[in-house]
PDB file of N, CA and C in Angstrom:
ATOM      1  N   GLN A   1       0.837  -1.190   0.000  1.00  0.00           N
ATOM      2  CA  GLN A   1       0.000   0.000   0.000  1.00  0.00           C
ATOM      3  C   GLN A   1       0.884   1.257   0.000  1.00  0.00           C
ATOM      4  N   VAL A   2       0.517   2.224  -0.769  1.00  0.00           N
ATOM      5  CA  VAL A   2       1.285   3.459  -0.825  1.00  0.00           C
ATOM      6  C   VAL A   2       0.911   4.350   0.352  1.00  0.00           C
ATOM      7  N   GLN A   3       1.884   5.086   0.866  1.00  0.00           N
ATOM      8  CA  GLN A   3       1.654   6.094   1.902  1.00  0.00           C
ATOM      9  C   GLN A   3       1.921   7.473   1.306  1.00  0.00           C
ATOM     10  N   LEU A   4       1.125   8.470   1.730  1.00  0.00           N
ATOM     11  CA  LEU A   4       1.201   9.809   1.154  1.00  0.00           C
ATOM     12  C   LEU A   4       1.458  10.852   2.239  1.00  0.00           C
ATOM     13  N   VAL A   5       2.352  11.788   1.963  1.00  0.00           N
ATOM     14  CA  VAL A   5       2.652  12.879   2.903  1.00  0.00           C
ATOM     15  C   VAL A   5       2.630  14.194   2.133  1.00  0.00           C
ATOM     16  N   GLU A   6       1.744  15.098   2.540  1.00  0.00           N
ATOM     17  CA  GLU A   6       1.640  16.398   1.904  1.00  0.00           C
ATOM     18  C   GLU A   6       2.548  17.411   2.597  1.00  0.00           C
ATOM     19  N   SER A   7       2.963  18.408   1.840  1.00  0.00           N
ATOM     20  CA  SER A   7       3.755  19.510   2.387  1.00  0.00           C
ATOM     21  C   SER A   7       3.549  20.739   1.501  1.00  0.00           C
ATOM     22  N   GLY A   8       3.997  21.877   2.011  1.00  0.00           N
ATOM     23  CA  GLY A   8       3.950  23.089   1.207  1.00  0.00           C
ATOM     24  C   GLY A   8       2.851  24.065   1.578  1.00  0.00           C
ATOM     25  N   GLY A   9       1.995  23.683   2.503  1.00  0.00           N
ATOM     26  CA  GLY A   9       0.939  24.583   2.925  1.00  0.00           C
ATOM     27  C   GLY A   9       1.499  25.745   3.741  1.00  0.00           C
ATOM     28  N   GLY A  10       0.627  26.718   4.008  1.00  0.00           N
ATOM     29  CA  GLY A  10       1.056  27.861   4.797  1.00  0.00           C
ATOM     30  C   GLY A  10       0.068  29.008   4.694  1.00  0.00           C
ATOM     31  N   LEU A  11       0.531  30.168   5.142  1.00  0.00           N
ATOM     32  CA  LEU A  11      -0.275  31.390   5.114  1.00  0.00           C
ATOM     33  C   LEU A  11       0.190  32.258   3.955  1.00  0.00           C
ATOM     34  N   VAL A  12      -0.748  32.704   3.141  1.00  0.00           N
ATOM     35  CA  VAL A  12      -0.412  33.531   1.988  1.00  0.00           C
ATOM     36  C   VAL A  12      -1.491  34.594   1.810  1.00  0.00           C
ATOM     37  N   GLN A  13      -1.111  35.724   1.265  1.00  0.00           N
ATOM     38  CA  GLN A  13      -2.080  36.778   0.992  1.00  0.00           C
ATOM     39  C   GLN A  13      -2.883  36.470  -0.266  1.00  0.00           C
ATOM     40  N   ALA A  14      -4.076  36.997  -0.320  1.00  0.00           N
ATOM     41  CA  ALA A  14      -4.898  36.828  -1.515  1.00  0.00           C
ATOM     42  C   ALA A  14      -4.137  37.326  -2.739  1.00  0.00           C
ATOM     43  N   GLY A  15      -4.233  36.549  -3.811  1.00  0.00           N
ATOM     44  CA  GLY A  15      -3.495  36.866  -5.026  1.00  0.00           C
ATOM     45  C   GLY A  15      -2.150  36.185  -5.112  1.00  0.00           C
ATOM     46  N   GLY A  16      -1.717  35.598  -4.009  1.00  0.00           N
ATOM     47  CA  GLY A  16      -0.421  34.933  -3.977  1.00  0.00           C
ATOM     48  C   GLY A  16      -0.472  33.510  -4.497  1.00  0.00           C
ATOM     49  N   SER A  17       0.656  32.821  -4.359  1.00  0.00           N
ATOM     50  CA  SER A  17       0.797  31.458  -4.877  1.00  0.00           C
ATOM     51  C   SER A  17       1.404  30.538  -3.830  1.00  0.00           C
ATOM     52  N   LEU A  18       1.073  29.271  -3.949  1.00  0.00           N
ATOM     53  CA  LEU A  18       1.682  28.215  -3.152  1.00  0.00           C
ATOM     54  C   LEU A  18       1.815  26.984  -4.033  1.00  0.00           C
ATOM     55  N   ARG A  19       2.799  26.158  -3.716  1.00  0.00           N
ATOM     56  CA  ARG A  19       2.957  24.883  -4.400  1.00  0.00           C
ATOM     57  C   ARG A  19       2.927  23.777  -3.366  1.00  0.00           C
ATOM     58  N   LEU A  20       1.928  22.921  -3.446  1.00  0.00           N
ATOM     59  CA  LEU A  20       1.830  21.775  -2.563  1.00  0.00           C
ATOM     60  C   LEU A  20       2.516  20.571  -3.194  1.00  0.00           C
ATOM     61  N   SER A  21       3.110  19.754  -2.348  1.00  0.00           N
ATOM     62  CA  SER A  21       3.720  18.507  -2.793  1.00  0.00           C
ATOM     63  C   SER A  21       3.107  17.348  -2.040  1.00  0.00           C
ATOM     64  N   CYS A  22       3.049  16.223  -2.698  1.00  0.00           N
ATOM     65  CA  CYS A  22       2.563  14.981  -2.089  1.00  0.00           C
ATOM     66  C   CYS A  22       3.602  13.904  -2.396  1.00  0.00           C
ATOM     67  N   ALA A  23       4.370  13.547  -1.385  1.00  0.00           N
ATOM     68  CA  ALA A  23       5.421  12.550  -1.550  1.00  0.00           C
ATOM     69  C   ALA A  23       4.886  11.179  -1.177  1.00  0.00           C
ATOM     70  N   ALA A  24       5.085  10.223  -2.060  1.00  0.00           N
ATOM     71  CA  ALA A  24       4.601   8.868  -1.829  1.00  0.00           C
ATOM     72  C   ALA A  24       5.749   7.941  -1.459  1.00  0.00           C
ATOM     73  N   SER A  25       5.418   6.928  -0.665  1.00  0.00           N
ATOM     74  CA  SER A  25       6.392   5.904  -0.308  1.00  0.00           C
ATOM     75  C   SER A  25       5.679   4.559  -0.221  1.00  0.00           C
ATOM     76  N   GLY A  26       6.456   3.503  -0.237  1.00  0.00           N
ATOM     77  CA  GLY A  26       5.890   2.172  -0.112  1.00  0.00           C
ATOM     78  C   GLY A  26       5.648   1.490  -1.444  1.00  0.00           C
ATOM     79  N   ARG A  27       5.174   2.231  -2.404  1.00  0.00           N
ATOM     80  CA  ARG A  27       4.944   1.720  -3.749  1.00  0.00           C
ATOM     81  C   ARG A  27       5.068   2.863  -4.739  1.00  0.00           C
ATOM     82  N   THR A  28       5.327   2.525  -5.972  1.00  0.00           N
ATOM     83  CA  THR A  28       5.367   3.551  -7.004  1.00  0.00           C
ATOM     84  C   THR A  28       3.966   4.067  -7.290  1.00  0.00           C
ATOM     85  N   ILE A  29       3.861   5.383  -7.512  1.00  0.00           N
ATOM     86  CA  ILE A  29       2.545   5.957  -7.796  1.00  0.00           C
ATOM     87  C   ILE A  29       2.180   5.833  -9.271  1.00  0.00           C
ATOM     88  N   SER A  30       3.044   5.253 -10.067  1.00  0.00           N
ATOM     89  CA  SER A  30       2.784   5.182 -11.510  1.00  0.00           C
ATOM     90  C   SER A  30       1.548   4.354 -11.842  1.00  0.00           C
ATOM     91  N   THR A  31       1.112   3.520 -10.896  1.00  0.00           N
ATOM     92  CA  THR A  31      -0.085   2.708 -11.123  1.00  0.00           C
ATOM     93  C   THR A  31      -1.323   3.303 -10.469  1.00  0.00           C
ATOM     94  N   TYR A  32      -1.204   4.517  -9.943  1.00  0.00           N
ATOM     95  CA  TYR A  32      -2.294   5.166  -9.224  1.00  0.00           C
ATOM     96  C   TYR A  32      -2.769   6.438  -9.935  1.00  0.00           C
ATOM     97  N   THR A  33      -4.069   6.595 -10.028  1.00  0.00           N
ATOM     98  CA  THR A  33      -4.636   7.910 -10.300  1.00  0.00           C
ATOM     99  C   THR A  33      -4.463   8.722  -9.024  1.00  0.00           C
ATOM    100  N   MET A  34      -4.047   9.978  -9.171  1.00  0.00           N
ATOM    101  CA  MET A  34      -3.814  10.833  -8.016  1.00  0.00           C
ATOM    102  C   MET A  34      -4.755  12.034  -8.044  1.00  0.00           C
ATOM    103  N   ALA A  35      -5.022  12.567  -6.870  1.00  0.00           N
ATOM    104  CA  ALA A  35      -5.954  13.689  -6.799  1.00  0.00           C
ATOM    105  C   ALA A  35      -5.659  14.559  -5.586  1.00  0.00           C
ATOM    106  N   TRP A  36      -6.160  15.773  -5.635  1.00  0.00           N
ATOM    107  CA  TRP A  36      -6.158  16.679  -4.493  1.00  0.00           C
ATOM    108  C   TRP A  36      -7.611  17.000  -4.137  1.00  0.00           C
ATOM    109  N   PHE A  37      -7.873  16.968  -2.841  1.00  0.00           N
ATOM    110  CA  PHE A  37      -9.150  17.392  -2.291  1.00  0.00           C
ATOM    111  C   PHE A  37      -8.876  18.449  -1.235  1.00  0.00           C
ATOM    112  N   ARG A  38      -9.910  19.131  -0.797  1.00  0.00           N
ATOM    113  CA  ARG A  38      -9.753  20.094   0.283  1.00  0.00           C
ATOM    114  C   ARG A  38     -10.997  20.088   1.163  1.00  0.00           C
ATOM    115  N   GLN A  39     -10.788  20.505   2.398  1.00  0.00           N
ATOM    116  CA  GLN A  39     -11.894  20.556   3.347  1.00  0.00           C
ATOM    117  C   GLN A  39     -11.755  21.794   4.219  1.00  0.00           C
ATOM    118  N   ALA A  40     -12.740  22.665   4.122  1.00  0.00           N
ATOM    119  CA  ALA A  40     -12.784  23.863   4.947  1.00  0.00           C
ATOM    120  C   ALA A  40     -13.568  23.555   6.221  1.00  0.00           C
ATOM    121  N   PRO A  41     -13.364  24.320   7.278  1.00  0.00           N
ATOM    122  CA  PRO A  41     -14.080  24.075   8.532  1.00  0.00           C
ATOM    123  C   PRO A  41     -15.589  24.089   8.339  1.00  0.00           C
ATOM    124  N   GLY A  42     -16.247  23.038   8.844  1.00  0.00           N
ATOM    125  CA  GLY A  42     -17.692  22.955   8.758  1.00  0.00           C
ATOM    126  C   GLY A  42     -18.231  22.551   7.411  1.00  0.00           C
ATOM    127  N   LYS A  43     -17.347  22.230   6.477  1.00  0.00           N
ATOM    128  CA  LYS A  43     -17.781  21.845   5.135  1.00  0.00           C
ATOM    129  C   LYS A  43     -17.315  20.435   4.803  1.00  0.00           C
ATOM    130  N   GLU A  44     -17.942  19.849   3.790  1.00  0.00           N
ATOM    131  CA  GLU A  44     -17.554  18.515   3.351  1.00  0.00           C
ATOM    132  C   GLU A  44     -16.273  18.596   2.521  1.00  0.00           C
ATOM    133  N   ARG A  45     -15.586  17.466   2.452  1.00  0.00           N
ATOM    134  CA  ARG A  45     -14.390  17.392   1.625  1.00  0.00           C
ATOM    135  C   ARG A  45     -14.806  17.517   0.160  1.00  0.00           C
ATOM    136  N   GLU A  46     -14.084  18.358  -0.578  1.00  0.00           N
ATOM    137  CA  GLU A  46     -14.462  18.586  -1.965  1.00  0.00           C
ATOM    138  C   GLU A  46     -13.291  18.359  -2.918  1.00  0.00           C
ATOM    139  N   PHE A  47     -13.645  17.945  -4.109  1.00  0.00           N
ATOM    140  CA  PHE A  47     -12.682  17.676  -5.162  1.00  0.00           C
ATOM    141  C   PHE A  47     -12.014  18.959  -5.635  1.00  0.00           C
ATOM    142  N   VAL A  48     -10.701  18.880  -5.879  1.00  0.00           N
ATOM    143  CA  VAL A  48      -9.955  20.012  -6.423  1.00  0.00           C
ATOM    144  C   VAL A  48      -9.411  19.678  -7.821  1.00  0.00           C
ATOM    145  N   ALA A  49      -8.657  18.579  -7.903  1.00  0.00           N
ATOM    146  CA  ALA A  49      -8.043  18.222  -9.184  1.00  0.00           C
ATOM    147  C   ALA A  49      -7.625  16.766  -9.162  1.00  0.00           C
ATOM    148  N   THR A  50      -7.555  16.168 -10.350  1.00  0.00           N
ATOM    149  CA  THR A  50      -7.083  14.802 -10.468  1.00  0.00           C
ATOM    150  C   THR A  50      -6.229  14.663 -11.719  1.00  0.00           C
ATOM    151  N   ILE A  51      -5.350  13.667 -11.717  1.00  0.00           N
ATOM    152  CA  ILE A  51      -4.426  13.451 -12.823  1.00  0.00           C
ATOM    153  C   ILE A  51      -4.304  11.959 -13.087  1.00  0.00           C
ATOM    154  N   SER A  52      -4.263  11.612 -14.360  1.00  0.00           N
ATOM    155  CA  SER A  52      -4.179  10.198 -14.741  1.00  0.00           C
ATOM    156  C   SER A  52      -2.806   9.621 -14.414  1.00  0.00           C
ATOM    157  N   ARG A  53      -2.712   8.300 -14.535  1.00  0.00           N
ATOM    158  CA  ARG A  53      -1.473   7.609 -14.174  1.00  0.00           C
ATOM    159  C   ARG A  53      -0.264   8.153 -14.941  1.00  0.00           C
ATOM    160  N   SER A  54      -0.450   8.429 -16.207  1.00  0.00           N
ATOM    161  CA  SER A  54       0.663   8.902 -17.038  1.00  0.00           C
ATOM    162  C   SER A  54       0.882  10.402 -16.913  1.00  0.00           C
ATOM    163  N   GLY A  55      -0.114  11.091 -16.369  1.00  0.00           N
ATOM    164  CA  GLY A  55      -0.057  12.556 -16.302  1.00  0.00           C
ATOM    165  C   GLY A  55      -0.614  13.240 -17.528  1.00  0.00           C
ATOM    166  N   GLY A  56      -1.086  12.455 -18.485  1.00  0.00           N
ATOM    167  CA  GLY A  56      -1.547  13.029 -19.738  1.00  0.00           C
ATOM    168  C   GLY A  56      -2.931  13.646 -19.689  1.00  0.00           C
ATOM    169  N   THR A  57      -3.693  13.297 -18.672  1.00  0.00           N
ATOM    170  CA  THR A  57      -5.052  13.818 -18.549  1.00  0.00           C
ATOM    171  C   THR A  57      -5.259  14.393 -17.156  1.00  0.00           C
ATOM    172  N   THR A  58      -5.871  15.566 -17.110  1.00  0.00           N
ATOM    173  CA  THR A  58      -6.179  16.204 -15.845  1.00  0.00           C
ATOM    174  C   THR A  58      -7.627  16.683 -15.842  1.00  0.00           C
ATOM    175  N   ASN A  59      -8.151  16.878 -14.645  1.00  0.00           N
ATOM    176  CA  ASN A  59      -9.511  17.368 -14.490  1.00  0.00           C
ATOM    177  C   ASN A  59      -9.544  18.262 -13.252  1.00  0.00           C
ATOM    178  N   TYR A  60     -10.275  19.384 -13.338  1.00  0.00           N
ATOM    179  CA  TYR A  60     -10.296  20.354 -12.259  1.00  0.00           C
ATOM    180  C   TYR A  60     -11.719  20.710 -11.855  1.00  0.00           C
ATOM    181  N   ALA A  61     -11.876  21.071 -10.602  1.00  0.00           N
ATOM    182  CA  ALA A  61     -13.125  21.670 -10.159  1.00  0.00           C
ATOM    183  C   ALA A  61     -13.253  23.040 -10.823  1.00  0.00           C
ATOM    184  N   ASP A  62     -14.488  23.427 -11.122  1.00  0.00           N
ATOM    185  CA  ASP A  62     -14.710  24.716 -11.775  1.00  0.00           C
ATOM    186  C   ASP A  62     -14.146  25.870 -10.947  1.00  0.00           C
ATOM    187  N   SER A  63     -14.173  25.731  -9.635  1.00  0.00           N
ATOM    188  CA  SER A  63     -13.748  26.815  -8.747  1.00  0.00           C
ATOM    189  C   SER A  63     -12.247  27.096  -8.818  1.00  0.00           C
ATOM    190  N   VAL A  64     -11.462  26.146  -9.330  1.00  0.00           N
ATOM    191  CA  VAL A  64     -10.000  26.338  -9.384  1.00  0.00           C
ATOM    192  C   VAL A  64      -9.464  26.320 -10.809  1.00  0.00           C
ATOM    193  N   LYS A  65     -10.317  26.038 -11.771  1.00  0.00           N
ATOM    194  CA  LYS A  65      -9.876  25.938 -13.163  1.00  0.00           C
ATOM    195  C   LYS A  65      -9.243  27.260 -13.612  1.00  0.00           C
ATOM    196  N   GLY A  66      -8.070  27.154 -14.228  1.00  0.00           N
ATOM    197  CA  GLY A  66      -7.358  28.342 -14.682  1.00  0.00           C
ATOM    198  C   GLY A  66      -6.437  28.941 -13.643  1.00  0.00           C
ATOM    199  N   ARG A  67      -6.581  28.508 -12.390  1.00  0.00           N
ATOM    200  CA  ARG A  67      -5.719  29.031 -11.315  1.00  0.00           C
ATOM    201  C   ARG A  67      -4.790  27.965 -10.739  1.00  0.00           C
ATOM    202  N   PHE A  68      -5.278  26.727 -10.680  1.00  0.00           N
ATOM    203  CA  PHE A  68      -4.501  25.626 -10.111  1.00  0.00           C
ATOM    204  C   PHE A  68      -4.036  24.684 -11.219  1.00  0.00           C
ATOM    205  N   THR A  69      -2.877  24.066 -10.985  1.00  0.00           N
ATOM    206  CA  THR A  69      -2.354  23.079 -11.920  1.00  0.00           C
ATOM    207  C   THR A  69      -1.852  21.868 -11.156  1.00  0.00           C
ATOM    208  N   ILE A  70      -2.375  20.692 -11.501  1.00  0.00           N
ATOM    209  CA  ILE A  70      -1.899  19.450 -10.910  1.00  0.00           C
ATOM    210  C   ILE A  70      -0.882  18.831 -11.857  1.00  0.00           C
ATOM    211  N   SER A  71       0.173  18.262 -11.285  1.00  0.00           N
ATOM    212  CA  SER A  71       1.189  17.588 -12.092  1.00  0.00           C
ATOM    213  C   SER A  71       1.779  16.450 -11.277  1.00  0.00           C
ATOM    214  N   ARG A  72       2.524  15.598 -11.950  1.00  0.00           N
ATOM    215  CA  ARG A  72       3.136  14.477 -11.244  1.00  0.00           C
ATOM    216  C   ARG A  72       4.493  14.168 -11.855  1.00  0.00           C
ATOM    217  N   ASP A  73       5.360  13.640 -11.019  1.00  0.00           N
ATOM    218  CA  ASP A  73       6.666  13.166 -11.450  1.00  0.00           C
ATOM    219  C   ASP A  73       6.781  11.737 -10.927  1.00  0.00           C
ATOM    220  N   ASN A  74       6.466  10.776 -11.770  1.00  0.00           N
ATOM    221  CA  ASN A  74       6.465   9.381 -11.314  1.00  0.00           C
ATOM    222  C   ASN A  74       7.871   8.909 -10.923  1.00  0.00           C
ATOM    223  N   ALA A  75       8.882   9.489 -11.537  1.00  0.00           N
ATOM    224  CA  ALA A  75      10.256   9.104 -11.189  1.00  0.00           C
ATOM    225  C   ALA A  75      10.605   9.535  -9.765  1.00  0.00           C
ATOM    226  N   LYS A  76      10.009  10.657  -9.335  1.00  0.00           N
ATOM    227  CA  LYS A  76      10.237  11.143  -7.970  1.00  0.00           C
ATOM    228  C   LYS A  76       9.133  10.705  -7.018  1.00  0.00           C
ATOM    229  N   ASN A  77       8.160   9.958  -7.552  1.00  0.00           N
ATOM    230  CA  ASN A  77       7.050   9.489  -6.725  1.00  0.00           C
ATOM    231  C   ASN A  77       6.336  10.634  -6.011  1.00  0.00           C
ATOM    232  N   THR A  78       6.123  11.712  -6.729  1.00  0.00           N
ATOM    233  CA  THR A  78       5.571  12.923  -6.136  1.00  0.00           C
ATOM    234  C   THR A  78       4.514  13.543  -7.043  1.00  0.00           C
ATOM    235  N   VAL A  79       3.500  14.094  -6.408  1.00  0.00           N
ATOM    236  CA  VAL A  79       2.444  14.831  -7.103  1.00  0.00           C
ATOM    237  C   VAL A  79       2.452  16.257  -6.568  1.00  0.00           C
ATOM    238  N   TYR A  80       2.123  17.207  -7.440  1.00  0.00           N
ATOM    239  CA  TYR A  80       2.173  18.613  -7.073  1.00  0.00           C
ATOM    240  C   TYR A  80       0.826  19.289  -7.349  1.00  0.00           C
ATOM    241  N   LEU A  81       0.600  20.372  -6.624  1.00  0.00           N
ATOM    242  CA  LEU A  81      -0.531  21.239  -6.921  1.00  0.00           C
ATOM    243  C   LEU A  81      -0.016  22.677  -6.863  1.00  0.00           C
ATOM    244  N   GLN A  82       0.114  23.301  -8.022  1.00  0.00           N
ATOM    245  CA  GLN A  82       0.507  24.697  -8.102  1.00  0.00           C
ATOM    246  C   GLN A  82      -0.746  25.541  -8.007  1.00  0.00           C
ATOM    247  N   MET A  83      -0.776  26.416  -7.020  1.00  0.00           N
ATOM    248  CA  MET A  83      -1.962  27.239  -6.778  1.00  0.00           C
ATOM    249  C   MET A  83      -1.597  28.699  -6.956  1.00  0.00           C
ATOM    250  N   ASN A  84      -2.202  29.340  -7.934  1.00  0.00           N
ATOM    251  CA  ASN A  84      -1.965  30.748  -8.222  1.00  0.00           C
ATOM    252  C   ASN A  84      -3.244  31.547  -7.998  1.00  0.00           C
ATOM    253  N   SER A  85      -3.084  32.850  -7.904  1.00  0.00           N
ATOM    254  CA  SER A  85      -4.231  33.759  -7.729  1.00  0.00           C
ATOM    255  C   SER A  85      -5.145  33.281  -6.608  1.00  0.00           C
ATOM    256  N   LEU A  86      -4.548  32.968  -5.488  1.00  0.00           N
ATOM    257  CA  LEU A  86      -5.304  32.404  -4.371  1.00  0.00           C
ATOM    258  C   LEU A  86      -6.320  33.384  -3.821  1.00  0.00           C
ATOM    259  N   LYS A  87      -7.439  32.833  -3.385  1.00  0.00           N
ATOM    260  CA  LYS A  87      -8.540  33.603  -2.835  1.00  0.00           C
ATOM    261  C   LYS A  87      -8.811  33.147  -1.402  1.00  0.00           C
ATOM    262  N   ALA A  88      -9.468  33.985  -0.633  1.00  0.00           N
ATOM    263  CA  ALA A  88      -9.795  33.628   0.747  1.00  0.00           C
ATOM    264  C   ALA A  88     -10.593  32.327   0.794  1.00  0.00           C
ATOM    265  N   GLU A  89     -11.445  32.110  -0.180  1.00  0.00           N
ATOM    266  CA  GLU A  89     -12.278  30.898  -0.194  1.00  0.00           C
ATOM    267  C   GLU A  89     -11.496  29.626  -0.520  1.00  0.00           C
ATOM    268  N   ASP A  90     -10.215  29.764  -0.847  1.00  0.00           N
ATOM    269  CA  ASP A  90      -9.364  28.588  -1.040  1.00  0.00           C
ATOM    270  C   ASP A  90      -8.811  28.067   0.289  1.00  0.00           C
ATOM    271  N   THR A  91      -9.049  28.791   1.367  1.00  0.00           N
ATOM    272  CA  THR A  91      -8.579  28.371   2.681  1.00  0.00           C
ATOM    273  C   THR A  91      -9.200  27.039   3.070  1.00  0.00           C
ATOM    274  N   ALA A  92      -8.344  26.063   3.388  1.00  0.00           N
ATOM    275  CA  ALA A  92      -8.806  24.712   3.714  1.00  0.00           C
ATOM    276  C   ALA A  92      -7.604  23.846   4.053  1.00  0.00           C
ATOM    277  N   VAL A  93      -7.893  22.659   4.551  1.00  0.00           N
ATOM    278  CA  VAL A  93      -6.871  21.619   4.621  1.00  0.00           C
ATOM    279  C   VAL A  93      -6.897  20.886   3.288  1.00  0.00           C
ATOM    280  N   TYR A  94      -5.742  20.760   2.661  1.00  0.00           N
ATOM    281  CA  TYR A  94      -5.622  20.108   1.362  1.00  0.00           C
ATOM    282  C   TYR A  94      -5.072  18.704   1.540  1.00  0.00           C
ATOM    283  N   TYR A  95      -5.757  17.745   0.919  1.00  0.00           N
ATOM    284  CA  TYR A  95      -5.395  16.340   1.032  1.00  0.00           C
ATOM    285  C   TYR A  95      -5.012  15.773  -0.329  1.00  0.00           C
ATOM    286  N   CYS A  96      -3.991  14.942  -0.315  1.00  0.00           N
ATOM    287  CA  CYS A  96      -3.602  14.169  -1.483  1.00  0.00           C
ATOM    288  C   CYS A  96      -4.254  12.791  -1.358  1.00  0.00           C
ATOM    289  N   ALA A  97      -4.690  12.235  -2.476  1.00  0.00           N
ATOM    290  CA  ALA A  97      -5.359  10.939  -2.457  1.00  0.00           C
ATOM    291  C   ALA A  97      -4.961  10.116  -3.667  1.00  0.00           C
ATOM    292  N   ALA A  98      -5.098   8.786  -3.532  1.00  0.00           N
ATOM    293  CA  ALA A  98      -4.713   7.881  -4.612  1.00  0.00           C
ATOM    294  C   ALA A  98      -5.727   6.754  -4.754  1.00  0.00           C
ATOM    295  N   ARG A  99      -5.885   6.304  -5.996  1.00  0.00           N
ATOM    296  CA  ARG A  99      -6.715   5.132  -6.248  1.00  0.00           C
ATOM    297  C   ARG A  99      -6.120   4.379  -7.423  1.00  0.00           C
ATOM    298  N   GLN A 100      -6.347   3.059  -7.453  1.00  0.00           N
ATOM    299  CA  GLN A 100      -5.712   2.231  -8.469  1.00  0.00           C
ATOM    300  C   GLN A 100      -6.577   2.013  -9.694  1.00  0.00           C
ATOM    301  N   PHE A 101      -7.601   2.855  -9.855  1.00  0.00           N
ATOM    302  CA  PHE A 101      -8.440   2.759 -11.035  1.00  0.00           C
ATOM    303  C   PHE A 101      -8.456   4.112 -11.717  1.00  0.00           C
ATOM    304  N   GLY A 102      -9.441   4.340 -12.581  1.00  0.00           N
ATOM    305  CA  GLY A 102      -9.468   5.562 -13.365  1.00  0.00           C
ATOM    306  C   GLY A 102      -9.788   6.792 -12.546  1.00  0.00           C
ATOM    307  N   MET A 103      -9.785   7.947 -13.232  1.00  0.00           N
ATOM    308  CA  MET A 103     -10.011   9.222 -12.578  1.00  0.00           C
ATOM    309  C   MET A 103     -11.417   9.301 -12.010  1.00  0.00           C
ATOM    310  N   ALA A 104     -11.536   9.949 -10.864  1.00  0.00           N
ATOM    311  CA  ALA A 104     -12.819  10.111 -10.201  1.00  0.00           C
ATOM    312  C   ALA A 104     -12.797  11.411  -9.407  1.00  0.00           C
ATOM    313  N   VAL A 105     -13.993  11.949  -9.144  1.00  0.00           N
ATOM    314  CA  VAL A 105     -14.068  13.227  -8.432  1.00  0.00           C
ATOM    315  C   VAL A 105     -14.686  13.098  -7.043  1.00  0.00           C
ATOM    316  N   LEU A 106     -15.215  11.931  -6.716  1.00  0.00           N
ATOM    317  CA  LEU A 106     -15.804  11.750  -5.396  1.00  0.00           C
ATOM    318  C   LEU A 106     -14.764  11.179  -4.434  1.00  0.00           C
ATOM    319  N   PRO A 107     -14.651  11.741  -3.246  1.00  0.00           N
ATOM    320  CA  PRO A 107     -13.644  11.260  -2.291  1.00  0.00           C
ATOM    321  C   PRO A 107     -13.839   9.803  -1.887  1.00  0.00           C
ATOM    322  N   THR A 108     -15.069   9.308  -1.960  1.00  0.00           N
ATOM    323  CA  THR A 108     -15.323   7.928  -1.555  1.00  0.00           C
ATOM    324  C   THR A 108     -14.657   6.915  -2.485  1.00  0.00           C
ATOM    325  N   TYR A 109     -14.269   7.343  -3.685  1.00  0.00           N
ATOM    326  CA  TYR A 109     -13.614   6.437  -4.632  1.00  0.00           C
ATOM    327  C   TYR A 109     -12.111   6.306  -4.388  1.00  0.00           C
ATOM    328  N   TYR A 110     -11.576   7.103  -3.482  1.00  0.00           N
ATOM    329  CA  TYR A 110     -10.145   7.072  -3.201  1.00  0.00           C
ATOM    330  C   TYR A 110      -9.911   6.339  -1.882  1.00  0.00           C
ATOM    331  N   ASP A 111      -8.948   5.434  -1.888  1.00  0.00           N
ATOM    332  CA  ASP A 111      -8.751   4.614  -0.709  1.00  0.00           C
ATOM    333  C   ASP A 111      -7.432   4.858   0.005  1.00  0.00           C
ATOM    334  N   VAL A 112      -6.602   5.764  -0.514  1.00  0.00           N
ATOM    335  CA  VAL A 112      -5.361   6.122   0.164  1.00  0.00           C
ATOM    336  C   VAL A 112      -5.335   7.638   0.319  1.00  0.00           C
ATOM    337  N   TRP A 113      -5.067   8.090   1.545  1.00  0.00           N
ATOM    338  CA  TRP A 113      -5.097   9.523   1.844  1.00  0.00           C
ATOM    339  C   TRP A 113      -3.862   9.934   2.643  1.00  0.00           C
ATOM    340  N   GLY A 114      -3.436  11.170   2.423  1.00  0.00           N
ATOM    341  CA  GLY A 114      -2.413  11.751   3.270  1.00  0.00           C
ATOM    342  C   GLY A 114      -3.059  12.397   4.486  1.00  0.00           C
ATOM    343  N   GLN A 115      -2.231  13.016   5.321  1.00  0.00           N
ATOM    344  CA  GLN A 115      -2.728  13.608   6.569  1.00  0.00           C
ATOM    345  C   GLN A 115      -3.217  15.030   6.376  1.00  0.00           C
ATOM    346  N   GLY A 116      -2.897  15.624   5.251  1.00  0.00           N
ATOM    347  CA  GLY A 116      -3.373  16.972   4.945  1.00  0.00           C
ATOM    348  C   GLY A 116      -2.359  18.057   5.282  1.00  0.00           C
ATOM    349  N   THR A 117      -2.487  19.179   4.583  1.00  0.00           N
ATOM    350  CA  THR A 117      -1.653  20.348   4.860  1.00  0.00           C
ATOM    351  C   THR A 117      -2.555  21.585   4.812  1.00  0.00           C
ATOM    352  N   GLN A 118      -2.391  22.461   5.791  1.00  0.00           N
ATOM    353  CA  GLN A 118      -3.262  23.631   5.921  1.00  0.00           C
ATOM    354  C   GLN A 118      -2.821  24.740   4.962  1.00  0.00           C
ATOM    355  N   VAL A 119      -3.793  25.281   4.242  1.00  0.00           N
ATOM    356  CA  VAL A 119      -3.576  26.454   3.399  1.00  0.00           C
ATOM    357  C   VAL A 119      -4.519  27.545   3.897  1.00  0.00           C
ATOM    358  N   THR A 120      -3.940  28.679   4.259  1.00  0.00           N
ATOM    359  CA  THR A 120      -4.733  29.800   4.741  1.00  0.00           C
ATOM    360  C   THR A 120      -4.444  31.019   3.867  1.00  0.00           C
ATOM    361  N   VAL A 121      -5.493  31.587   3.288  1.00  0.00           N
ATOM    362  CA  VAL A 121      -5.353  32.749   2.411  1.00  0.00           C
ATOM    363  C   VAL A 121      -5.997  33.939   3.105  1.00  0.00           C
ATOM    364  N   SER A 122      -5.193  34.955   3.382  1.00  0.00           N
ATOM    365  CA  SER A 122      -5.708  36.143   4.057  1.00  0.00           C
ATOM    366  C   SER A 122      -6.151  37.171   3.020  1.00  0.00           C
ATOM    367  N   SER A 123      -7.280  37.799   3.296  1.00  0.00           N
ATOM    368  CA  SER A 123      -7.826  38.785   2.342  1.00  0.00           C
ATOM    369  C   SER A 123      -7.433  40.196   2.727  1.00  0.00           C
TER     370      SER A 123
END
């Protein structure tokens, strides 16, 4: 089973940028669809972005399309989320997730999760 550890979160002003990383261990992520989700206080966990095993296909939530970019480096066993033009409503704990089947947007379809990294955007 693969293990996931997120990093790169922090406090940033609105309009700023952050790059999150998700480092995997235990198994290669090349056989996993990877995704980022987020959860704000009092809200359900929501889909942010997902990327296919090869990295050739990506899918984004409408709320982040054009601002966030998901990418992966299978050789480094790492997935990234570049977040630009951050808004206060992007404040949440961001989670990396993996599944051994095709791309999906519902968190219930992912069976491997990291511990999360806090992103706080001040307005």
